[in-house]
Amino acid sequence: MIIVLIFANNKIEVKIIYTMNNNPLILFWNIGKIVFEQQNRVDNPNKKYSAYFQYKYGLTECFSRENIHLMKKLYLFFPIFTDNFLALDWEHYLELLRINDKNKLMFYYRVALFCKCTTLELHHLINSFSYERI
């Protein structure tokens, strides 16, 4: 997958060569980065980028306002893209992004990586308040 991001004249041009075999996390992380970096230049960035990506790529459910917000939150909690980042899938990150406390989120992230938890196991781990019991 190749992602080319071009910023010019308050417009964003994103050219993506993407196949379904690639991990969409790279795409979602980069969209979160775009939205975060452009949030001071654009009014209501989640709405505008959601409409832009839905129009451009047609994946309306994938690029909903809520998902754009989650992509931005993903970038904020994980600003440095590493190889470990790809060890989990988008559903894992959806579970993790429900947590607003960064320390708690990183605890569950590390546990999920170390134990190779499924999404369901991570969900049960979070709902059993393992972090609070330590």
C-alpha atoms as a PDB file:
ATOM      1  CA  MET A   1       0.000   0.000   0.000  1.00  0.00           C
ATOM      2  CA  ILE A   2       1.234   3.444  -0.871  1.00  0.00           C
ATOM      3  CA  ILE A   3      -0.280   6.492   0.751  1.00  0.00           C
ATOM      4  CA  VAL A   4       0.547   9.896  -0.657  1.00  0.00           C
ATOM      5  CA  LEU A   5      -0.734  12.898   1.273  1.00  0.00           C
ATOM      6  CA  ILE A   6      -0.621  16.294  -0.399  1.00  0.00           C
ATOM      7  CA  PHE A   7      -1.609  19.492   1.420  1.00  0.00           C
ATOM      8  CA  ALA A   8      -2.116  22.581  -0.740  1.00  0.00           C
ATOM      9  CA  ASN A   9      -4.282  25.683  -0.456  1.00  0.00           C
ATOM     10  CA  ASN A  10      -6.345  24.342   2.462  1.00  0.00           C
ATOM     11  CA  LYS A  11      -7.199  21.320   0.349  1.00  0.00           C
ATOM     12  CA  ILE A  12      -6.086  17.823   0.950  1.00  0.00           C
ATOM     13  CA  GLU A  13      -5.416  15.387  -1.819  1.00  0.00           C
ATOM     14  CA  VAL A  14      -4.980  11.812  -0.756  1.00  0.00           C
ATOM     15  CA  LYS A  15      -3.905   9.233  -3.254  1.00  0.00           C
ATOM     16  CA  ILE A  16      -4.116   5.729  -1.923  1.00  0.00           C
ATOM     17  CA  ILE A  17      -3.128   2.533  -3.629  1.00  0.00           C
ATOM     18  CA  TYR A  18      -4.695   0.001  -1.338  1.00  0.00           C
ATOM     19  CA  THR A  19      -5.490  -3.662  -1.622  1.00  0.00           C
ATOM     20  CA  MET A  20      -7.673  -5.608   0.766  1.00  0.00           C
ATOM     21  CA  ASN A  21      -4.725  -7.836   1.720  1.00  0.00           C
ATOM     22  CA  ASN A  22      -2.965  -4.898   3.354  1.00  0.00           C
ATOM     23  CA  ASN A  23      -3.676  -3.922   6.916  1.00  0.00           C
ATOM     24  CA  PRO A  24      -6.173  -1.029   7.012  1.00  0.00           C
ATOM     25  CA  LEU A  25      -4.588   0.231  10.258  1.00  0.00           C
ATOM     26  CA  ILE A  26      -1.947   2.049   8.243  1.00  0.00           C
ATOM     27  CA  LEU A  27      -4.669   3.867   6.338  1.00  0.00           C
ATOM     28  CA  PHE A  28      -6.685   4.644   9.495  1.00  0.00           C
ATOM     29  CA  TRP A  29      -3.620   5.917  11.363  1.00  0.00           C
ATOM     30  CA  ASN A  30      -2.699   8.224   8.472  1.00  0.00           C
ATOM     31  CA  ILE A  31      -6.235   9.574   8.217  1.00  0.00           C
ATOM     32  CA  GLY A  32      -6.147  10.246  11.974  1.00  0.00           C
ATOM     33  CA  LYS A  33      -2.889  12.118  11.478  1.00  0.00           C
ATOM     34  CA  ILE A  34      -4.389  14.214   8.659  1.00  0.00           C
ATOM     35  CA  VAL A  35      -7.461  15.113  10.704  1.00  0.00           C
ATOM     36  CA  PHE A  36      -5.362  16.001  13.758  1.00  0.00           C
ATOM     37  CA  GLU A  37      -2.915  18.158  11.786  1.00  0.00           C
ATOM     38  CA  GLN A  38      -5.686  19.966   9.919  1.00  0.00           C
ATOM     39  CA  GLN A  39      -8.110  20.454  12.828  1.00  0.00           C
ATOM     40  CA  ASN A  40      -7.054  24.064  13.461  1.00  0.00           C
ATOM     41  CA  ARG A  41      -7.351  24.966   9.772  1.00  0.00           C
ATOM     42  CA  VAL A  42     -10.744  23.424   9.092  1.00  0.00           C
ATOM     43  CA  ASP A  43     -14.087  23.950  10.846  1.00  0.00           C
ATOM     44  CA  ASN A  44     -15.645  20.671  11.997  1.00  0.00           C
ATOM     45  CA  PRO A  45     -12.896  18.436  10.553  1.00  0.00           C
ATOM     46  CA  ASN A  46     -14.590  15.119  11.392  1.00  0.00           C
ATOM     47  CA  LYS A  47     -17.643  16.048   9.334  1.00  0.00           C
ATOM     48  CA  LYS A  48     -15.672  17.466   6.408  1.00  0.00           C
ATOM     49  CA  TYR A  49     -13.149  14.644   6.157  1.00  0.00           C
ATOM     50  CA  SER A  50     -15.890  12.072   6.603  1.00  0.00           C
ATOM     51  CA  ALA A  51     -17.795  13.571   3.674  1.00  0.00           C
ATOM     52  CA  TYR A  52     -14.599  13.878   1.613  1.00  0.00           C
ATOM     53  CA  PHE A  53     -13.473  10.270   2.101  1.00  0.00           C
ATOM     54  CA  GLN A  54     -17.014   8.929   1.632  1.00  0.00           C
ATOM     55  CA  TYR A  55     -17.313  10.812  -1.639  1.00  0.00           C
ATOM     56  CA  LYS A  56     -13.812   9.955  -2.841  1.00  0.00           C
ATOM     57  CA  TYR A  57     -13.703   6.261  -1.878  1.00  0.00           C
ATOM     58  CA  GLY A  58     -17.358   5.336  -1.346  1.00  0.00           C
ATOM     59  CA  LEU A  59     -16.851   3.408   1.893  1.00  0.00           C
ATOM     60  CA  THR A  60     -19.535   5.288   3.818  1.00  0.00           C
ATOM     61  CA  GLU A  61     -19.536   3.070   6.906  1.00  0.00           C
ATOM     62  CA  CYS A  62     -15.751   2.982   7.112  1.00  0.00           C
ATOM     63  CA  PHE A  63     -15.446   6.769   6.918  1.00  0.00           C
ATOM     64  CA  SER A  64     -18.347   7.771   9.177  1.00  0.00           C
ATOM     65  CA  ARG A  65     -17.872  10.757  11.494  1.00  0.00           C
ATOM     66  CA  GLU A  66     -17.527   8.421  14.469  1.00  0.00           C
ATOM     67  CA  ASN A  67     -14.831   6.385  12.725  1.00  0.00           C
ATOM     68  CA  ILE A  68     -12.985   9.539  11.648  1.00  0.00           C
ATOM     69  CA  HIS A  69     -13.042  10.613  15.305  1.00  0.00           C
ATOM     70  CA  LEU A  70     -11.707   7.183  16.334  1.00  0.00           C
ATOM     71  CA  MET A  71      -8.961   7.393  13.702  1.00  0.00           C
ATOM     72  CA  LYS A  72      -7.887  10.750  15.126  1.00  0.00           C
ATOM     73  CA  LYS A  73      -7.968   9.293  18.646  1.00  0.00           C
ATOM     74  CA  LEU A  74      -5.889   6.340  17.399  1.00  0.00           C
ATOM     75  CA  TYR A  75      -3.256   8.754  16.120  1.00  0.00           C
ATOM     76  CA  LEU A  76      -3.311  10.780  19.369  1.00  0.00           C
ATOM     77  CA  PHE A  77      -2.780   7.710  21.559  1.00  0.00           C
ATOM     78  CA  PHE A  78      -0.228   6.131  19.203  1.00  0.00           C
ATOM     79  CA  PRO A  79       1.590   9.058  17.532  1.00  0.00           C
ATOM     80  CA  ILE A  80       4.599   6.937  16.557  1.00  0.00           C
ATOM     81  CA  PHE A  81       3.872   4.135  14.119  1.00  0.00           C
ATOM     82  CA  THR A  82       5.812   0.978  15.039  1.00  0.00           C
ATOM     83  CA  ASP A  83       5.763  -2.656  13.947  1.00  0.00           C
ATOM     84  CA  ASN A  84       4.013  -3.621  17.194  1.00  0.00           C
ATOM     85  CA  PHE A  85       1.140  -1.442  16.089  1.00  0.00           C
ATOM     86  CA  LEU A  86       0.215  -3.948  13.371  1.00  0.00           C
ATOM     87  CA  ALA A  87       0.148  -6.889  15.796  1.00  0.00           C
ATOM     88  CA  LEU A  88      -3.440  -6.014  16.723  1.00  0.00           C
ATOM     89  CA  ASP A  89      -6.320  -5.406  14.357  1.00  0.00           C
ATOM     90  CA  TRP A  90      -8.846  -2.565  14.097  1.00  0.00           C
ATOM     91  CA  GLU A  91     -11.363  -4.344  16.372  1.00  0.00           C
ATOM     92  CA  HIS A  92      -8.736  -4.487  19.150  1.00  0.00           C
ATOM     93  CA  TYR A  93      -8.149  -0.766  18.786  1.00  0.00           C
ATOM     94  CA  LEU A  94     -11.892  -0.068  18.833  1.00  0.00           C
ATOM     95  CA  GLU A  95     -12.027  -1.786  22.234  1.00  0.00           C
ATOM     96  CA  LEU A  96      -8.980   0.111  23.455  1.00  0.00           C
ATOM     97  CA  LEU A  97     -10.189   3.492  22.197  1.00  0.00           C
ATOM     98  CA  ARG A  98     -13.267   3.279  24.425  1.00  0.00           C
ATOM     99  CA  ILE A  99     -10.825   3.962  27.293  1.00  0.00           C
ATOM    100  CA  ASN A 100     -10.052   7.637  27.879  1.00  0.00           C
ATOM    101  CA  ASP A 101      -7.242   7.209  30.412  1.00  0.00           C
ATOM    102  CA  LYS A 102      -3.950   6.857  28.523  1.00  0.00           C
ATOM    103  CA  ASN A 103      -2.227   4.830  31.276  1.00  0.00           C
ATOM    104  CA  LYS A 104      -5.104   2.366  31.426  1.00  0.00           C
ATOM    105  CA  LEU A 105      -5.226   2.138  27.624  1.00  0.00           C
ATOM    106  CA  MET A 106      -1.497   1.431  27.404  1.00  0.00           C
ATOM    107  CA  PHE A 107      -1.805  -1.237  30.115  1.00  0.00           C
ATOM    108  CA  TYR A 108      -4.476  -3.105  28.145  1.00  0.00           C
ATOM    109  CA  TYR A 109      -2.540  -2.556  24.906  1.00  0.00           C
ATOM    110  CA  ARG A 110       0.572  -4.171  26.369  1.00  0.00           C
ATOM    111  CA  VAL A 111      -1.426  -7.053  27.852  1.00  0.00           C
ATOM    112  CA  ALA A 112      -3.132  -7.649  24.501  1.00  0.00           C
ATOM    113  CA  LEU A 113       0.238  -7.694  22.739  1.00  0.00           C
ATOM    114  CA  PHE A 114       1.929  -9.924  25.324  1.00  0.00           C
ATOM    115  CA  CYS A 115      -0.927 -12.427  25.672  1.00  0.00           C
ATOM    116  CA  LYS A 116      -1.991 -12.240  22.015  1.00  0.00           C
ATOM    117  CA  CYS A 117      -5.581 -11.698  23.131  1.00  0.00           C
ATOM    118  CA  THR A 118      -8.494 -12.038  20.782  1.00  0.00           C
ATOM    119  CA  THR A 119     -10.901  -9.117  20.595  1.00  0.00           C
ATOM    120  CA  LEU A 120     -13.369 -10.948  22.815  1.00  0.00           C
ATOM    121  CA  GLU A 121     -10.693 -11.748  25.413  1.00  0.00           C
ATOM    122  CA  LEU A 122      -9.602  -8.103  25.432  1.00  0.00           C
ATOM    123  CA  HIS A 123     -13.224  -7.003  25.853  1.00  0.00           C
ATOM    124  CA  HIS A 124     -13.640  -9.320  28.872  1.00  0.00           C
ATOM    125  CA  LEU A 125     -10.327  -8.166  30.305  1.00  0.00           C
ATOM    126  CA  ILE A 126     -11.364  -4.516  30.102  1.00  0.00           C
ATOM    127  CA  ASN A 127     -14.847  -5.177  31.509  1.00  0.00           C
ATOM    128  CA  SER A 128     -13.424  -7.164  34.435  1.00  0.00           C
ATOM    129  CA  PHE A 129     -11.487  -4.032  35.546  1.00  0.00           C
ATOM    130  CA  SER A 130      -8.117  -5.818  35.631  1.00  0.00           C
ATOM    131  CA  TYR A 131      -6.276  -2.493  35.643  1.00  0.00           C
ATOM    132  CA  GLU A 132      -8.117  -1.282  38.739  1.00  0.00           C
ATOM    133  CA  ARG A 133      -7.408  -4.542  40.620  1.00  0.00           C
ATOM    134  CA  ILE A 134      -3.632  -4.226  40.267  1.00  0.00           C
END
